[in-house]
Amino acid sequence: MAVTIAPEDPASAVAQALLHAYFSDRAISFVGGVYTPKPADPATLRAPEGAFLVAWSDGEPVGCGALRRLSPERFEVKHLYVAPAGRGMGTGASLLTALEARAVELGATEVVLDTNSALTAANRLYTTRGYASVPAYNDNPNATTWFRKSLA
């Protein structure tokens, strides 16, 4: 099964369904207190301030990821999610690569992200894709680890 990545409006039914699944999964797997969903404002996930991408397999949405601009050359990866039907096919890596390429198109020289240490697959993905651990750059109560990658 080949996975394709395509832009999607973050307010569309497809995007919202994936985000709902993402936040539901996060609530189940969260470690460290009470999980508080922090969805990004869809307006911040549209060009030129950001992007929202969906992974498709056999006509079905199987994952998503977003970008939002933090400064002229710094973007944040948000809501990277792979549904069970898309796991084990390189979907997360494909989404991350596509998000990084889109960030460069929007003028980024670096991307950052936060995650929770309980998400071992996500942490492994980021470290194997060249992300370095950095001090906290935000006050997200759900995050325990923060990463940065240079795109220059």
C-alpha atoms as a PDB file:
ATOM      1  CA  MET A   1       0.000   0.000   0.000  1.00  0.00           C
ATOM      2  CA  ALA A   2       1.468   3.296  -1.101  1.00  0.00           C
ATOM      3  CA  VAL A   3       0.941   6.356   1.033  1.00  0.00           C
ATOM      4  CA  THR A   4       0.427   9.733  -0.606  1.00  0.00           C
ATOM      5  CA  ILE A   5       0.591  13.073   1.168  1.00  0.00           C
ATOM      6  CA  ALA A   6      -1.653  15.972   0.172  1.00  0.00           C
ATOM      7  CA  PRO A   7      -2.574  19.385   1.582  1.00  0.00           C
ATOM      8  CA  GLU A   8      -5.935  19.648   3.335  1.00  0.00           C
ATOM      9  CA  ASP A   9      -7.840  22.526   4.852  1.00  0.00           C
ATOM     10  CA  PRO A  10      -7.424  22.140   8.631  1.00  0.00           C
ATOM     11  CA  ALA A  11     -11.127  22.919   9.148  1.00  0.00           C
ATOM     12  CA  SER A  12     -12.338  20.240   6.706  1.00  0.00           C
ATOM     13  CA  ALA A  13     -14.275  17.205   7.898  1.00  0.00           C
ATOM     14  CA  VAL A  14     -11.326  14.932   7.033  1.00  0.00           C
ATOM     15  CA  ALA A  15      -8.863  17.057   9.017  1.00  0.00           C
ATOM     16  CA  GLN A  16     -11.181  17.398  11.977  1.00  0.00           C
ATOM     17  CA  ALA A  17     -11.846  13.644  12.084  1.00  0.00           C
ATOM     18  CA  LEU A  18      -8.102  12.934  12.117  1.00  0.00           C
ATOM     19  CA  LEU A  19      -7.507  15.543  14.809  1.00  0.00           C
ATOM     20  CA  HIS A  20     -10.314  14.084  16.911  1.00  0.00           C
ATOM     21  CA  ALA A  21      -8.706  10.640  16.616  1.00  0.00           C
ATOM     22  CA  TYR A  22      -5.305  12.153  17.487  1.00  0.00           C
ATOM     23  CA  PHE A  23      -6.583  13.837  20.647  1.00  0.00           C
ATOM     24  CA  SER A  24      -8.506  10.698  21.659  1.00  0.00           C
ATOM     25  CA  ASP A  25      -5.389   8.550  21.272  1.00  0.00           C
ATOM     26  CA  ARG A  26      -3.302  11.077  23.200  1.00  0.00           C
ATOM     27  CA  ALA A  27      -5.766  11.082  26.102  1.00  0.00           C
ATOM     28  CA  ILE A  28      -5.581   7.278  26.339  1.00  0.00           C
ATOM     29  CA  SER A  29      -1.770   7.111  26.199  1.00  0.00           C
ATOM     30  CA  PHE A  30      -0.981  10.221  28.252  1.00  0.00           C
ATOM     31  CA  VAL A  31       1.310   9.833  31.243  1.00  0.00           C
ATOM     32  CA  GLY A  32       1.921  12.589  33.763  1.00  0.00           C
ATOM     33  CA  GLY A  33      -1.301  14.041  35.085  1.00  0.00           C
ATOM     34  CA  VAL A  34      -4.393  15.136  33.238  1.00  0.00           C
ATOM     35  CA  TYR A  35      -4.189  15.450  29.462  1.00  0.00           C
ATOM     36  CA  THR A  36      -5.439  18.812  28.227  1.00  0.00           C
ATOM     37  CA  PRO A  37      -5.991  18.934  24.450  1.00  0.00           C
ATOM     38  CA  LYS A  38      -4.417  22.012  22.907  1.00  0.00           C
ATOM     39  CA  PRO A  39      -5.603  22.100  19.289  1.00  0.00           C
ATOM     40  CA  ALA A  40      -3.960  24.720  17.125  1.00  0.00           C
ATOM     41  CA  ASP A  41      -6.211  27.385  15.646  1.00  0.00           C
ATOM     42  CA  PRO A  42      -6.952  26.244  12.054  1.00  0.00           C
ATOM     43  CA  ALA A  43      -6.141  29.758  10.804  1.00  0.00           C
ATOM     44  CA  THR A  44      -2.535  29.297  11.982  1.00  0.00           C
ATOM     45  CA  LEU A  45      -2.244  26.069   9.975  1.00  0.00           C
ATOM     46  CA  ARG A  46      -2.907  27.657   6.581  1.00  0.00           C
ATOM     47  CA  ALA A  47      -0.340  29.212   4.228  1.00  0.00           C
ATOM     48  CA  PRO A  48       1.564  31.399   4.575  1.00  0.00           C
ATOM     49  CA  GLU A  49       1.485  30.900   8.354  1.00  0.00           C
ATOM     50  CA  GLY A  50       1.396  27.130   8.258  1.00  0.00           C
ATOM     51  CA  ALA A  51       0.214  23.971   6.529  1.00  0.00           C
ATOM     52  CA  PHE A  52      -1.943  20.931   7.165  1.00  0.00           C
ATOM     53  CA  LEU A  53      -1.146  17.671   5.379  1.00  0.00           C
ATOM     54  CA  VAL A  54      -3.029  14.380   5.219  1.00  0.00           C
ATOM     55  CA  ALA A  55      -1.608  10.948   4.431  1.00  0.00           C
ATOM     56  CA  TRP A  56      -3.830   8.802   2.235  1.00  0.00           C
ATOM     57  CA  SER A  57      -3.744   5.059   1.568  1.00  0.00           C
ATOM     58  CA  ASP A  58      -6.195   3.391  -0.797  1.00  0.00           C
ATOM     59  CA  GLY A  59      -8.401   6.490  -0.741  1.00  0.00           C
ATOM     60  CA  GLU A  60      -8.612   6.578   3.057  1.00  0.00           C
ATOM     61  CA  PRO A  61      -7.031   9.192   5.329  1.00  0.00           C
ATOM     62  CA  VAL A  62      -4.489   7.426   7.557  1.00  0.00           C
ATOM     63  CA  GLY A  63      -2.588  10.296   9.154  1.00  0.00           C
ATOM     64  CA  CYS A  64      -1.994  13.995   9.420  1.00  0.00           C
ATOM     65  CA  GLY A  65       0.489  16.615  10.460  1.00  0.00           C
ATOM     66  CA  ALA A  66       0.620  20.367  10.596  1.00  0.00           C
ATOM     67  CA  LEU A  67       2.986  23.308  10.706  1.00  0.00           C
ATOM     68  CA  ARG A  68       2.586  26.709  12.236  1.00  0.00           C
ATOM     69  CA  ARG A  69       4.912  29.674  12.036  1.00  0.00           C
ATOM     70  CA  LEU A  70       6.551  30.752  15.298  1.00  0.00           C
ATOM     71  CA  SER A  71       8.844  33.350  13.714  1.00  0.00           C
ATOM     72  CA  PRO A  72       9.839  34.257  10.152  1.00  0.00           C
ATOM     73  CA  GLU A  73      12.231  31.302   9.893  1.00  0.00           C
ATOM     74  CA  ARG A  74      10.997  28.949  12.632  1.00  0.00           C
ATOM     75  CA  PHE A  75       8.015  26.617  12.303  1.00  0.00           C
ATOM     76  CA  GLU A  76       6.521  24.171  14.761  1.00  0.00           C
ATOM     77  CA  VAL A  77       5.388  20.666  13.794  1.00  0.00           C
ATOM     78  CA  LYS A  78       1.940  20.081  15.307  1.00  0.00           C
ATOM     79  CA  HIS A  79      -0.473  17.170  15.596  1.00  0.00           C
ATOM     80  CA  LEU A  80       1.591  14.520  13.807  1.00  0.00           C
ATOM     81  CA  TYR A  81      -0.691  11.487  13.924  1.00  0.00           C
ATOM     82  CA  VAL A  82      -0.856   8.127  12.208  1.00  0.00           C
ATOM     83  CA  ALA A  83      -4.066   6.128  12.513  1.00  0.00           C
ATOM     84  CA  PRO A  84      -3.796   2.385  13.210  1.00  0.00           C
ATOM     85  CA  ALA A  85      -4.536   1.645   9.528  1.00  0.00           C
ATOM     86  CA  GLY A  86      -1.489   3.689   8.492  1.00  0.00           C
ATOM     87  CA  ARG A  87       1.034   2.381  10.991  1.00  0.00           C
ATOM     88  CA  GLY A  88       3.974   0.231   9.965  1.00  0.00           C
ATOM     89  CA  MET A  89       4.068   1.680   6.438  1.00  0.00           C
ATOM     90  CA  GLY A  90       6.432   4.620   6.969  1.00  0.00           C
ATOM     91  CA  THR A  91       3.505   7.031   7.163  1.00  0.00           C
ATOM     92  CA  GLY A  92       4.923   9.054  10.053  1.00  0.00           C
ATOM     93  CA  ALA A  93       8.290   9.464   8.353  1.00  0.00           C
ATOM     94  CA  SER A  94       6.604  10.422   5.074  1.00  0.00           C
ATOM     95  CA  LEU A  95       4.466  13.028   6.815  1.00  0.00           C
ATOM     96  CA  LEU A  96       7.463  14.449   8.671  1.00  0.00           C
ATOM     97  CA  THR A  97       9.514  14.688   5.468  1.00  0.00           C
ATOM     98  CA  ALA A  98       6.633  16.413   3.675  1.00  0.00           C
ATOM     99  CA  LEU A  99       6.145  18.849   6.570  1.00  0.00           C
ATOM    100  CA  GLU A 100       9.842  19.724   6.568  1.00  0.00           C
ATOM    101  CA  ALA A 101       9.778  20.326   2.794  1.00  0.00           C
ATOM    102  CA  ARG A 102       6.702  22.531   3.134  1.00  0.00           C
ATOM    103  CA  ALA A 103       8.375  24.469   5.962  1.00  0.00           C
ATOM    104  CA  VAL A 104      11.344  25.198   3.687  1.00  0.00           C
ATOM    105  CA  GLU A 105       8.949  26.382   0.962  1.00  0.00           C
ATOM    106  CA  LEU A 106       7.431  28.781   3.521  1.00  0.00           C
ATOM    107  CA  GLY A 107      10.868  30.157   4.445  1.00  0.00           C
ATOM    108  CA  ALA A 108      11.855  28.043   7.435  1.00  0.00           C
ATOM    109  CA  THR A 109      15.452  27.348   8.392  1.00  0.00           C
ATOM    110  CA  GLU A 110      14.443  25.260  11.402  1.00  0.00           C
ATOM    111  CA  VAL A 111      11.528  23.331  12.838  1.00  0.00           C
ATOM    112  CA  VAL A 112      10.736  22.551  16.445  1.00  0.00           C
ATOM    113  CA  LEU A 113       8.215  20.305  18.145  1.00  0.00           C
ATOM    114  CA  ASP A 114       7.165  19.079  21.535  1.00  0.00           C
ATOM    115  CA  THR A 115       5.949  15.656  22.554  1.00  0.00           C
ATOM    116  CA  ASN A 116       5.485  13.407  25.561  1.00  0.00           C
ATOM    117  CA  SER A 117       8.033  10.796  26.594  1.00  0.00           C
ATOM    118  CA  ALA A 118       5.240   8.192  26.730  1.00  0.00           C
ATOM    119  CA  LEU A 119       5.013   8.370  22.932  1.00  0.00           C
ATOM    120  CA  THR A 120       8.023   6.143  22.326  1.00  0.00           C
ATOM    121  CA  ALA A 121       7.409   5.646  18.593  1.00  0.00           C
ATOM    122  CA  ALA A 122       7.166   9.408  18.069  1.00  0.00           C
ATOM    123  CA  ASN A 123      10.318  10.087  20.068  1.00  0.00           C
ATOM    124  CA  ARG A 124      12.166   7.397  18.100  1.00  0.00           C
ATOM    125  CA  LEU A 125      10.945   8.866  14.811  1.00  0.00           C
ATOM    126  CA  TYR A 126      12.183  12.341  15.698  1.00  0.00           C
ATOM    127  CA  THR A 127      15.592  11.247  16.916  1.00  0.00           C
ATOM    128  CA  THR A 128      16.197   8.981  13.907  1.00  0.00           C
ATOM    129  CA  ARG A 129      15.187  11.815  11.562  1.00  0.00           C
ATOM    130  CA  GLY A 130      17.811  14.220  12.889  1.00  0.00           C
ATOM    131  CA  TYR A 131      15.919  16.040  15.629  1.00  0.00           C
ATOM    132  CA  ALA A 132      17.978  17.087  18.645  1.00  0.00           C
ATOM    133  CA  SER A 133      16.631  17.436  22.168  1.00  0.00           C
ATOM    134  CA  VAL A 134      16.424  21.079  23.296  1.00  0.00           C
ATOM    135  CA  PRO A 135      15.224  22.909  26.400  1.00  0.00           C
ATOM    136  CA  ALA A 136      11.514  23.686  26.575  1.00  0.00           C
ATOM    137  CA  TYR A 137      10.555  26.468  24.163  1.00  0.00           C
ATOM    138  CA  ASN A 138       6.916  26.617  25.289  1.00  0.00           C
ATOM    139  CA  ASP A 139       4.775  25.923  28.331  1.00  0.00           C
ATOM    140  CA  ASN A 140       2.714  23.051  26.929  1.00  0.00           C
ATOM    141  CA  PRO A 141       1.587  21.095  30.040  1.00  0.00           C
ATOM    142  CA  ASN A 142       1.306  17.910  27.966  1.00  0.00           C
ATOM    143  CA  ALA A 143       4.911  17.990  26.745  1.00  0.00           C
ATOM    144  CA  THR A 144       7.894  16.397  28.442  1.00  0.00           C
ATOM    145  CA  THR A 145      10.382  16.564  25.568  1.00  0.00           C
ATOM    146  CA  TRP A 146      11.200  19.249  23.006  1.00  0.00           C
ATOM    147  CA  PHE A 147      13.107  18.875  19.742  1.00  0.00           C
ATOM    148  CA  ARG A 148      14.701  21.034  17.033  1.00  0.00           C
ATOM    149  CA  LYS A 149      15.990  20.349  13.538  1.00  0.00           C
ATOM    150  CA  SER A 150      17.914  22.675  11.275  1.00  0.00           C
ATOM    151  CA  LEU A 151      16.611  22.764   7.713  1.00  0.00           C
ATOM    152  CA  ALA A 152      19.370  24.993   6.310  1.00  0.00           C
END
